[in-house]
Protein backbone atom coordinates (compact mmCIF):
# COMPACT_ATOMS: atom_id res chain seq x y z
CA MET A 1 2.03 -3.20 -3.55
CA GLY A 2 0.81 -0.40 -5.94
CA THR A 3 4.22 -0.47 -7.83
CA MET A 4 4.49 -3.98 -7.54
CA VAL A 5 1.46 -5.37 -8.21
CA GLY A 6 1.10 -4.02 -11.50
CA ALA A 7 1.57 -3.37 -15.33
CA GLY A 8 4.28 -6.24 -14.59
CA PHE A 9 2.24 -9.13 -13.42
CA TYR A 10 -1.05 -8.04 -15.46
CA ALA A 11 1.15 -8.31 -18.83
CA LEU A 12 3.94 -10.84 -18.14
CA LEU A 13 1.73 -13.64 -16.75
CA GLY A 14 1.29 -14.73 -20.02
CA GLN A 15 5.10 -14.85 -21.10
CA VAL A 16 6.21 -16.56 -17.76
CA ALA A 17 3.11 -19.25 -18.45
CA GLY A 18 4.59 -19.60 -22.14
CA LEU A 19 8.15 -20.12 -20.48
CA ALA A 20 7.52 -22.76 -17.78
CA GLY A 21 3.96 -24.08 -18.68
CA HIS A 22 2.22 -25.59 -15.59
CA LEU A 23 5.48 -24.81 -13.51
CA ALA A 24 5.06 -20.84 -14.00
CA PRO A 25 3.62 -20.66 -9.99
CA VAL A 26 7.52 -22.08 -9.44
CA ALA A 27 9.20 -19.18 -11.46
CA PHE A 28 6.77 -16.85 -9.52
CA ALA A 29 8.07 -18.25 -6.03
CA LEU A 30 11.62 -18.35 -7.00
CA ALA A 31 11.54 -14.86 -8.29
CA GLY A 32 9.83 -13.84 -5.06
CA ALA A 33 12.42 -15.44 -3.14
CA LEU A 34 15.04 -13.14 -4.11
CA ALA A 35 12.93 -10.31 -3.93
CA LEU A 36 12.47 -11.32 -0.35
CA VAL A 37 15.96 -11.51 0.28
CA ASN A 38 16.79 -7.96 -1.26
CA GLY A 39 13.53 -6.66 0.62
CA LEU A 40 15.40 -8.08 3.99
CA THR A 41 18.33 -6.07 2.90
CA PHE A 42 16.23 -3.03 2.06
CA ALA A 43 14.19 -3.54 5.22
CA GLU A 44 17.52 -3.18 7.64
CA LEU A 45 19.22 0.07 5.68
CA SER A 46 16.00 1.65 5.92
CA ALA A 47 15.71 1.40 9.35
CA ARG A 48 19.38 2.37 9.96
CA TYR A 49 19.05 5.40 7.56
CA PRO A 50 15.13 6.63 6.94
CA PHE A 51 16.53 9.48 4.41
CA SER A 52 15.21 10.56 1.18
CA ALA A 53 18.25 9.92 -0.49
CA GLY A 54 17.68 6.22 0.12
CA VAL A 55 19.95 3.91 -1.52
CA ALA A 56 22.88 6.73 -2.60
CA ARG A 57 22.56 6.98 1.49
CA PHE A 58 22.95 3.14 2.06
CA VAL A 59 25.82 2.73 -0.73
CA ALA A 60 27.29 6.17 0.71
CA GLU A 61 27.49 4.10 3.90
CA GLY A 62 28.25 0.50 3.09
CA ILE A 63 30.74 1.44 0.28
CA GLY A 64 32.06 4.87 0.68
CA GLY A 65 33.97 6.77 -2.08
CA ARG A 66 34.07 9.81 -3.39
CA TRP A 67 31.98 8.99 -6.73
CA VAL A 68 30.09 5.63 -5.81
CA PRO A 69 27.17 6.95 -3.75
CA GLY A 70 26.50 9.69 -6.68
CA VAL A 71 26.75 7.58 -9.54
CA THR A 72 24.46 5.02 -7.44
CA GLY A 73 21.63 7.82 -6.89
CA TRP A 74 22.00 8.66 -10.42
CA LEU A 75 21.14 4.95 -11.24
CA VAL A 76 18.19 5.20 -9.12
CA ILE A 77 17.03 7.89 -10.71
CA ALA A 78 17.54 6.80 -14.01
CA THR A 79 15.68 3.51 -13.27
CA GLY A 80 12.94 5.68 -12.23
CA VAL A 81 12.49 7.70 -15.37
CA VAL A 82 13.00 4.95 -17.70
CA SER A 83 10.77 2.66 -15.96
CA ALA A 84 8.11 5.54 -15.62
CA ALA A 85 8.51 5.85 -19.55
CA MET A 86 7.93 2.06 -19.94
CA LEU A 87 5.09 1.84 -18.11
CA SER A 88 3.49 5.09 -19.79
CA VAL A 89 4.11 3.70 -23.26
CA ALA A 90 2.36 0.40 -22.05
CA THR A 91 -0.21 2.53 -20.86
CA ILE A 92 -0.83 4.04 -24.18
CA GLY A 93 -0.73 0.58 -25.90
CA PHE A 94 -3.47 -0.76 -23.57
CA LEU A 95 -5.62 2.83 -24.37
CA GLN A 96 -5.03 2.04 -27.99
CA ASP A 97 -6.98 -1.03 -27.67
CA LEU A 98 -9.84 0.66 -26.59
CA LEU A 99 -9.79 4.55 -28.20
CA PRO A 100 -8.31 5.93 -31.70
CA LEU A 101 -5.58 7.55 -29.87
CA ASP A 102 -2.83 9.39 -31.41
CA ARG A 103 0.33 7.78 -29.64
CA VAL A 104 2.49 11.13 -29.42
CA ALA A 105 -1.03 12.95 -27.75
CA GLY A 106 -1.63 10.23 -25.54
CA LEU A 107 1.82 9.98 -24.25
CA VAL A 108 1.86 14.00 -23.42
CA ALA A 109 -1.48 14.39 -21.83
CA VAL A 110 -0.68 10.75 -19.37
CA VAL A 111 3.14 11.96 -18.79
CA CYS A 112 2.25 15.45 -18.55
CA GLY A 113 -0.79 14.81 -15.91
CA LEU A 114 1.21 12.33 -13.87
CA GLY A 115 4.02 15.13 -13.34
CA VAL A 116 0.95 17.55 -12.32
CA LEU A 117 -0.19 14.87 -9.58
CA ALA A 118 3.02 14.19 -8.47
CA ALA A 119 4.09 17.52 -8.19
CA TRP A 120 0.59 18.59 -6.55
CA GLY A 121 1.49 16.75 -2.95
CA ILE A 122 2.80 13.84 -1.36
CA GLY A 123 -1.10 13.39 0.29
CA GLU A 124 -2.85 13.69 -2.87
CA SER A 125 -0.35 11.26 -4.58
CA VAL A 126 -0.30 8.21 -2.21
CA ALA A 127 -4.36 8.75 -2.12
CA PHE A 128 -4.51 8.10 -5.73
CA VAL A 129 -2.13 5.58 -5.53
CA GLY A 130 -3.65 3.68 -2.75
CA ALA A 131 -7.06 4.14 -4.30
CA VAL A 132 -5.52 2.25 -7.43
CA THR A 133 -3.97 -0.31 -5.51
CA LEU A 134 -7.13 -1.28 -3.89
CA ILE A 135 -8.76 -1.88 -7.61
CA GLU A 136 -5.70 -3.72 -9.03
CA VAL A 137 -5.05 -5.61 -6.20
CA GLY A 138 -8.88 -6.13 -5.50
CA ALA A 139 -9.51 -7.33 -8.99
CA LEU A 140 -6.55 -9.78 -8.65
CA ILE A 141 -8.52 -10.79 -5.72
CA ILE A 142 -11.82 -11.14 -7.25
CA VAL A 143 -10.26 -12.85 -10.21
CA PHE A 144 -8.52 -15.79 -7.84
CA ALA A 145 -12.27 -15.97 -6.24
CA PHE A 146 -13.94 -16.63 -9.69
CA ASN A 147 -11.37 -19.49 -10.55
CA ALA A 148 -10.62 -20.81 -6.83
CA GLN A 149 -12.04 -24.27 -7.86
CA TYR A 150 -8.75 -25.07 -10.00
CA LEU A 151 -6.77 -24.30 -6.86
CA THR A 152 -6.70 -28.07 -5.95
CA SER A 153 -6.83 -29.23 -9.26
CA TRP A 154 -3.35 -27.67 -10.77
CA GLN A 155 -1.26 -30.79 -11.97
CA PRO A 156 2.53 -29.49 -12.07
CA LEU A 157 3.68 -31.91 -13.51
CA SER A 158 0.79 -32.55 -15.83
CA GLY A 159 1.15 -32.96 -19.45
CA ASP A 160 4.09 -33.55 -21.05
CA GLY A 161 5.59 -32.56 -17.58
CA MET A 162 8.89 -30.26 -17.55
CA PRO A 163 8.00 -27.77 -20.07
CA PRO A 164 10.02 -27.84 -23.58
CA SER A 165 12.60 -25.74 -22.72
CA GLY A 166 13.24 -27.76 -19.70
CA ALA A 167 14.93 -26.30 -16.26
CA GLY A 168 16.29 -23.66 -18.51
CA GLY A 169 12.35 -22.16 -19.69
CA ILE A 170 11.61 -22.31 -15.68
CA LEU A 171 14.67 -20.33 -14.86
CA ALA A 172 14.10 -17.54 -18.09
CA ALA A 173 10.66 -17.57 -16.91
CA ALA A 174 11.80 -16.70 -12.91
CA PHE A 175 13.88 -14.53 -14.41
CA LEU A 176 11.25 -12.37 -15.93
CA ALA A 177 9.02 -13.06 -13.34
CA PHE A 178 11.47 -11.11 -11.55
CA TYR A 179 10.21 -7.71 -12.98
CA ALA A 180 6.95 -8.22 -11.51
CA PHE A 181 8.67 -7.77 -7.68
CA ILE A 182 10.34 -4.35 -8.72
CA GLY A 183 9.22 -1.78 -6.70
CA PHE A 184 9.39 -2.19 -3.00
CA GLU A 185 12.98 -0.43 -3.42
CA ASP A 186 10.93 2.99 -3.84
CA MET A 187 9.36 3.02 -0.42
CA VAL A 188 12.72 4.04 0.79
CA SER A 189 12.69 7.28 -1.12
CA VAL A 190 10.04 8.54 1.05
CA ALA A 191 11.57 7.73 4.48
CA GLU A 192 11.17 11.10 5.27
CA GLU A 193 7.74 11.18 5.06
CA VAL A 194 6.67 8.45 6.94
CA ARG A 195 5.79 8.26 10.93
CA GLU A 196 8.20 6.32 12.92
CA PRO A 197 10.31 5.01 9.65
CA GLU A 198 12.71 3.36 11.96
CA ARG A 199 9.86 0.79 12.63
CA ASN A 200 7.36 0.90 9.92
CA MET A 201 9.75 1.05 6.58
CA PRO A 202 11.04 -2.45 7.29
CA ARG A 203 7.77 -3.98 8.11
CA GLY A 204 6.25 -1.86 5.53
CA ILE A 205 8.79 -3.73 2.88
CA LEU A 206 8.63 -7.12 4.06
CA LEU A 207 4.74 -7.27 4.36
CA ALA A 208 4.54 -5.95 0.86
CA VAL A 209 6.93 -8.46 -0.54
CA VAL A 210 5.17 -11.19 0.93
CA LEU A 211 1.76 -10.64 0.14
CA THR A 212 2.86 -10.00 -3.62
CA THR A 213 4.29 -13.36 -3.72
CA ILE A 214 1.17 -14.89 -2.13
CA LEU A 215 -1.15 -12.95 -4.56
CA TYR A 216 0.99 -14.10 -7.60
CA LEU A 217 1.29 -17.48 -6.42
CA ILE A 218 -2.28 -18.21 -5.85
CA VAL A 219 -3.64 -16.17 -9.30
CA GLY A 220 -0.91 -17.90 -11.23
CA ILE A 221 -1.68 -21.36 -10.25
CA VAL A 222 -5.74 -21.02 -10.94
CA ALA A 223 -4.72 -19.31 -14.04
CA VAL A 224 -2.45 -22.35 -15.06
CA ALA A 225 -4.75 -24.80 -14.08
CA GLY A 226 -7.89 -23.18 -15.32
CA PRO A 227 -7.63 -21.57 -18.60
CA GLY A 228 -3.70 -23.39 -19.27
CA PRO A 229 -0.26 -21.69 -20.25
CA GLU A 230 -1.00 -22.02 -23.73
CA ARG A 231 -3.82 -20.19 -23.68
CA LEU A 232 -2.56 -17.45 -21.58
CA ALA A 233 0.48 -17.17 -23.58
CA ALA A 234 -1.64 -16.27 -26.52
CA SER A 235 -2.97 -13.51 -24.95
CA ARG A 236 -2.28 -9.74 -24.70
CA THR A 237 -4.56 -9.51 -21.58
CA PRO A 238 -3.57 -12.99 -19.81
CA VAL A 239 -5.77 -12.21 -16.65
CA ALA A 240 -8.51 -10.80 -18.52
CA GLU A 241 -8.41 -14.53 -19.62
CA LEU A 242 -9.34 -15.90 -16.21
CA VAL A 243 -12.77 -14.08 -16.52
CA SER A 244 -13.49 -14.50 -20.35
CA ARG A 245 -16.23 -17.09 -19.13
CA LEU A 246 -18.04 -14.61 -17.23
CA GLY A 247 -18.79 -12.66 -20.74
CA GLY A 248 -20.49 -9.19 -20.74
CA ALA A 249 -18.07 -6.55 -19.44
CA ALA A 250 -15.99 -8.64 -17.02
CA PRO A 251 -12.84 -8.61 -19.52
CA LEU A 252 -12.75 -5.44 -20.72
CA ALA A 253 -13.29 -4.80 -17.15
CA ILE A 254 -10.08 -6.18 -16.73
CA VAL A 255 -8.34 -3.87 -19.36
CA ILE A 256 -9.17 -1.17 -17.86
CA VAL A 257 -7.55 -2.09 -14.60
CA SER A 258 -4.52 -3.29 -16.77
CA ILE A 259 -4.48 0.63 -17.62
CA LEU A 260 -5.00 1.37 -14.42
CA THR A 261 -1.55 -0.37 -13.33
CA GLY A 262 0.62 1.23 -15.78
CA ILE A 263 -0.86 4.75 -14.63
CA ASN A 264 -0.02 4.03 -10.98
CA GLY A 265 3.30 2.49 -11.42
CA ALA A 266 4.28 5.36 -13.69
CA LEU A 267 3.39 7.62 -10.91
CA VAL A 268 4.99 5.69 -8.17
CA GLN A 269 8.23 6.08 -10.59
CA ILE A 270 8.17 9.95 -11.10
CA ILE A 271 7.59 10.50 -7.04
CA MET A 272 10.97 8.15 -6.55
CA ALA A 273 13.08 9.99 -8.91
CA ALA A 274 12.01 13.43 -7.79
CA ARG A 275 12.85 12.18 -4.10
CA VAL A 276 15.99 10.91 -5.02
CA ALA A 277 17.34 13.77 -6.84
CA TYR A 278 15.88 15.96 -3.96
CA GLY A 279 17.79 14.13 -1.54
CA MET A 280 20.85 13.68 -3.17
CA ALA A 281 20.93 17.65 -3.70
CA GLY A 282 21.25 17.96 0.10
CA GLN A 283 24.26 16.00 -0.14
CA ALA A 284 25.47 18.27 -2.97
CA ASP A 285 25.59 15.16 -5.50
CA ALA A 286 22.71 16.76 -7.78
CA PRO A 287 21.94 20.34 -8.75
CA ARG A 288 20.98 22.48 -5.91
CA TRP A 289 17.81 23.51 -7.46
CA MET A 290 16.76 19.88 -7.03
CA GLY A 291 16.36 20.40 -3.44
CA THR A 292 14.11 23.04 -3.58
CA VAL A 293 10.49 22.75 -2.22
CA ASN A 294 7.55 24.54 -2.68
CA SER A 295 6.02 26.12 0.31
CA HIS A 296 2.68 25.43 -0.38
CA THR A 297 2.82 21.82 -1.61
CA HIS A 298 5.76 20.58 0.25
CA THR A 299 7.06 18.96 -2.61
CA PRO A 300 10.28 19.04 -4.82
CA GLN A 301 7.90 20.35 -7.76
CA LEU A 302 11.74 21.47 -9.86
CA ALA A 303 12.64 17.92 -9.52
CA THR A 304 9.48 16.73 -9.86
CA ALA A 305 9.13 18.82 -13.51
CA ALA A 306 12.73 17.51 -14.23
CA ALA A 307 12.17 13.97 -14.38
CA THR A 308 8.50 14.05 -16.17
CA LEU A 309 10.02 15.93 -18.93
CA VAL A 310 13.02 12.82 -19.23
CA VAL A 311 10.11 10.54 -18.73
CA LEU A 312 8.17 12.13 -21.85
CA GLY A 313 11.28 12.15 -23.56
CA LEU A 314 12.40 8.80 -23.26
CA ALA A 315 8.60 7.39 -23.76
CA LEU A 316 8.52 9.42 -27.15
CA VAL A 317 11.72 8.32 -28.36
CA PHE A 318 12.42 4.71 -27.51
CA PRO A 319 10.45 1.04 -28.23
CA LEU A 320 8.83 -0.34 -25.09
CA GLY A 321 10.99 -3.50 -24.85
CA LEU A 322 14.56 -1.35 -25.10
CA LEU A 323 12.90 0.33 -21.91
CA ALA A 324 11.90 -2.55 -20.29
CA ARG A 325 15.55 -4.20 -20.78
CA THR A 326 17.18 -1.29 -19.83
CA THR A 327 15.43 -0.66 -16.45
CA SER A 328 15.96 -4.14 -15.59
CA ALA A 329 19.93 -3.89 -15.69
CA ILE A 330 19.72 -0.82 -13.75
CA ILE A 331 17.68 -2.22 -10.95
CA LEU A 332 19.71 -5.33 -10.88
CA ILE A 333 23.05 -3.29 -10.58
CA VAL A 334 21.67 -1.14 -8.00
CA PHE A 335 20.31 -3.85 -6.08
CA ALA A 336 23.95 -5.53 -5.94
CA LEU A 337 25.43 -2.44 -4.45
CA VAL A 338 22.76 -2.05 -2.03
CA ASN A 339 23.56 -5.55 -0.47
CA LEU A 340 27.24 -5.18 -0.86
CA SER A 341 26.61 -1.95 1.08
CA LEU A 342 25.04 -3.61 3.95
CA TRP A 343 27.69 -6.84 3.69
CA GLN A 344 30.64 -4.24 4.55
CA LEU A 345 28.42 -2.33 7.19
CA LYS A 346 27.90 -5.69 9.15
CA ALA A 347 31.52 -6.63 8.49
CA ARG A 348 32.91 -3.70 10.72
CA GLU A 349 30.33 -2.74 12.88
CA THR A 350 30.85 -3.42 16.67
CA PRO A 351 28.31 -6.16 18.21
CA GLY A 352 25.15 -3.75 19.55
CA SER A 353 25.94 -0.73 17.68
CA HIS A 354 22.72 -0.96 15.86
CA THR A 355 19.72 -2.12 17.38
CA GLY A 356 16.81 -1.58 15.03
CA PHE A 357 15.63 -4.47 12.74
CA ARG A 358 18.53 -6.31 11.64
CA ALA A 359 18.49 -8.81 8.41
CA PRO A 360 20.09 -12.34 8.74
CA ARG A 361 24.08 -12.16 8.28
CA TRP A 362 23.49 -14.27 5.07
CA ALA A 363 20.99 -12.10 3.23
CA PRO A 364 23.06 -9.57 1.91
CA ALA A 365 25.52 -11.81 0.27
CA VAL A 366 22.62 -14.09 -1.59
CA GLY A 367 21.21 -11.07 -2.65
CA LEU A 368 24.35 -9.94 -3.87
CA TRP A 369 25.19 -13.26 -6.14
CA GLY A 370 21.47 -13.65 -6.79
CA CYS A 371 21.25 -10.16 -8.48
CA LEU A 372 24.76 -10.90 -10.56
CA GLY A 373 23.55 -14.47 -11.28
CA VAL A 374 20.21 -12.98 -12.83
CA LEU A 375 22.21 -10.53 -14.60
CA VAL A 376 24.64 -13.15 -16.30
CA VAL A 377 21.45 -15.38 -17.12
CA ALA A 378 19.85 -12.04 -18.84
CA GLY A 379 23.14 -11.28 -20.80
CA TRP A 380 23.25 -14.94 -21.60
CA LEU A 381 19.67 -14.76 -22.78
CA GLN A 382 20.39 -11.34 -24.95
CA LEU A 383 23.37 -13.04 -26.11
CA THR A 384 22.01 -16.35 -27.62
CA GLY A 385 18.89 -14.51 -28.90
CA SER A 386 16.55 -16.36 -26.03
CA GLY A 387 15.21 -13.26 -23.94
């Protein structure tokens, strides 16, 4: 939840509300359904193959070939570093609203600091992520508590009924809302550092997706029923609009939490990219030096340093929008490959060969076509200038 409930929801709530109007919670529900289907696939594969190579190993087992697993692994690493760069740029933007901060100096300080923390140790990194997760999730729960009276007054078809763009607006909003669910796939990259991963990884993945979906739904409902979609869409910090009537330091506190969400998400992505590189080095799909583990911190420090430098370079050169679109395109391709892998494994396995967690037979098929459909929608929106 620490990487799912983050800058995506805190920043995108207003844009989703602007596209879907009072039906914004429906958009989050559709996105959550697609995330859950993909979560089922990742849950079964993480129980079958609890290794740091994660997605690269999944694709190697399901699709095979000499180059497909390696390419998939590098796509996952690309997702991590591009996403971390995007979150770092967003974090600097939030900070510049509060402080007269130089962009370049701020990016160097933030990204290098996250790289040091990621290389320090998995225990320290998880402790930081866990603490920030409690803050960002706790903030949304508190925001909901102060607006709970709107939960029963939500009228999804109030006013003009459907949003101005009709069903297309809801689908576009659902596509945008899916960004806020990305992150559960990162868990499989640290499977070797989880106790009893065959049992705990599926539980962790599915629990994270379900709890995140519920949280987004209840906050989304009170948001459109309270401040309203128009006000949310006009704000750069839409979650802060839910506490603006309280005055005082409440809105500022939400802005600070928004900053923490960006830092938290970027840290998780750096850790994930380094762990995937470490796992791929063990399979000769990445340079051998990426598999070097520091004897004191027990972390792949060289891989972490490389990931940090790439993140910094991307953050310094490319704008936020391009980084966001690139992240989304890569992750959807990766999800499609993972779903295809599980479909292939299920098609050729003998009954009883896998006794751990099992996803329904339809899950990888729905996940595969769902991801491809989202990619088509994204491409169409981009071509028509709507996305």
